[in-house]
Amino acid sequence: MKLTKKEARLRRATKFRAKHADKGTERLCVHKTSTHIYAQIISSCGTKTLASASTLANKAKNGGNVDAATLIGTQIAEAAIKANVVKVAFDRSGFKYHGRIKALADAARDGGLDF
């Protein structure tokens, strides 16, 4: 039985979270839609959001492009450093690592996050 596109993405996301659950590092969790991109730093226990940034909160004109993802990557890195978080695990929520996800990750690395 072939998985749908969403089921395959959720399967990849579950595998990552199961693999990193016992490592005890904070997660940089990213979610994207066709119009917006969201990023948040989640505590190692998974119960607390330490920092967040999104194109929706910034009221970006166009949140569905690489430029917006770069802006969110920079903002989440600044917010994480304010929360004394430098080392994170990059949880891309099963999305493929290209385009907006890659732009956000590169901007977060340039902003000072280590993953």
Protein backbone atom coordinates (compact mmCIF):
# COMPACT_ATOMS: atom_id res chain seq x y z
CA MET A 1 0.00 0.00 0.00
CA LYS A 2 1.42 3.35 -1.05
CA LEU A 3 1.53 6.16 1.48
CA THR A 4 0.08 9.53 0.66
CA LYS A 5 2.39 12.52 0.62
CA LYS A 6 1.23 13.64 4.07
CA GLU A 7 1.49 10.15 5.59
CA ALA A 8 5.04 9.77 4.29
CA ARG A 9 6.02 13.17 5.76
CA LEU A 10 4.50 12.31 9.14
CA ARG A 11 6.30 8.96 9.11
CA ARG A 12 9.64 10.69 8.54
CA ALA A 13 8.84 13.17 11.33
CA THR A 14 7.97 10.39 13.79
CA LYS A 15 11.20 8.54 13.03
CA PHE A 16 13.29 11.65 13.74
CA ARG A 17 11.50 12.40 17.02
CA ALA A 18 11.82 8.82 18.25
CA LYS A 19 15.53 8.81 17.43
CA HIS A 20 16.24 12.12 19.21
CA ALA A 21 13.87 11.74 22.18
CA ASP A 22 16.52 10.31 24.52
CA LYS A 23 19.36 12.67 23.52
CA GLY A 24 18.15 15.48 25.77
CA THR A 25 18.74 18.41 23.39
CA GLU A 26 16.34 21.18 22.52
CA ARG A 27 14.65 20.95 19.12
CA LEU A 28 14.35 23.59 16.44
CA CYS A 29 10.99 22.48 15.06
CA VAL A 30 9.92 23.86 11.67
CA HIS A 31 6.53 23.70 9.99
CA LYS A 32 5.59 25.16 6.64
CA THR A 33 2.43 25.76 4.69
CA SER A 34 2.05 27.21 1.23
CA THR A 35 1.66 30.71 2.68
CA HIS A 36 3.64 30.75 5.95
CA ILE A 37 6.59 29.19 7.77
CA TYR A 38 6.81 28.63 11.52
CA ALA A 39 9.79 27.82 13.75
CA GLN A 40 10.02 27.15 17.47
CA ILE A 41 12.59 25.97 19.97
CA ILE A 42 11.11 23.20 22.14
CA SER A 43 12.65 22.10 25.43
CA SER A 44 14.38 18.74 25.72
CA CYS A 45 11.46 17.28 27.67
CA GLY A 46 9.06 18.42 24.94
CA THR A 47 6.66 20.30 27.20
CA LYS A 48 7.81 23.89 26.86
CA THR A 49 8.31 26.31 23.98
CA LEU A 50 11.42 28.38 24.67
CA ALA A 51 11.31 30.64 21.59
CA SER A 52 9.25 31.02 18.45
CA ALA A 53 9.07 32.97 15.20
CA SER A 54 6.73 32.88 12.23
CA THR A 55 5.77 34.84 9.17
CA LEU A 56 2.23 34.98 10.51
CA ALA A 57 3.36 36.79 13.68
CA ASN A 58 5.51 39.17 11.63
CA LYS A 59 2.66 39.92 9.22
CA ALA A 60 5.00 39.30 6.31
CA LYS A 61 3.71 40.31 2.91
CA ASN A 62 4.64 36.95 1.40
CA GLY A 63 5.53 34.24 3.88
CA GLY A 64 5.76 31.45 1.34
CA ASN A 65 9.15 32.25 -0.17
CA VAL A 66 12.84 31.73 0.59
CA ASP A 67 13.37 35.35 1.68
CA ALA A 68 10.74 35.00 4.40
CA ALA A 69 12.27 31.71 5.55
CA THR A 70 15.68 33.39 5.83
CA LEU A 71 14.14 36.15 7.94
CA ILE A 72 12.48 33.62 10.27
CA GLY A 73 15.75 31.67 10.58
CA THR A 74 17.55 34.81 11.70
CA GLN A 75 14.78 35.71 14.16
CA ILE A 76 14.60 32.24 15.72
CA ALA A 77 18.38 32.25 16.19
CA GLU A 78 18.21 35.61 18.01
CA ALA A 79 15.32 34.42 20.18
CA ALA A 80 17.13 31.16 21.01
CA ILE A 81 20.30 32.97 22.06
CA LYS A 82 18.20 35.21 24.33
CA ALA A 83 16.79 32.03 25.90
CA ASN A 84 20.38 30.70 26.42
CA VAL A 85 19.99 27.94 23.83
CA VAL A 86 22.83 27.41 21.37
CA LYS A 87 22.85 23.67 20.56
CA VAL A 88 19.67 22.26 19.02
CA ALA A 89 18.49 19.31 16.97
CA PHE A 90 16.93 20.42 13.66
CA ASP A 91 13.46 18.88 13.45
CA ARG A 92 12.23 19.59 9.94
CA SER A 93 8.90 17.80 10.62
CA GLY A 94 9.47 15.35 7.78
CA PHE A 95 9.81 18.05 5.11
CA LYS A 96 12.57 17.54 2.58
CA TYR A 97 15.72 19.56 3.20
CA HIS A 98 15.61 22.02 0.31
CA GLY A 99 14.08 25.35 -0.56
CA ARG A 100 12.54 27.18 2.40
CA ILE A 101 13.61 24.59 4.98
CA LYS A 102 17.23 24.82 3.85
CA ALA A 103 17.12 28.64 3.79
CA LEU A 104 15.76 28.72 7.36
CA ALA A 105 18.42 26.27 8.57
CA ASP A 106 21.26 28.19 6.93
CA ALA A 107 20.05 31.49 8.40
CA ALA A 108 19.73 29.93 11.87
CA ARG A 109 23.29 28.57 11.63
CA ASP A 110 24.56 31.98 10.53
CA GLY A 111 22.68 33.51 13.49
CA GLY A 112 24.65 31.39 15.96
CA LEU A 113 22.72 28.14 16.44
CA ASP A 114 24.68 24.88 16.37
CA PHE A 115 23.10 21.79 14.77
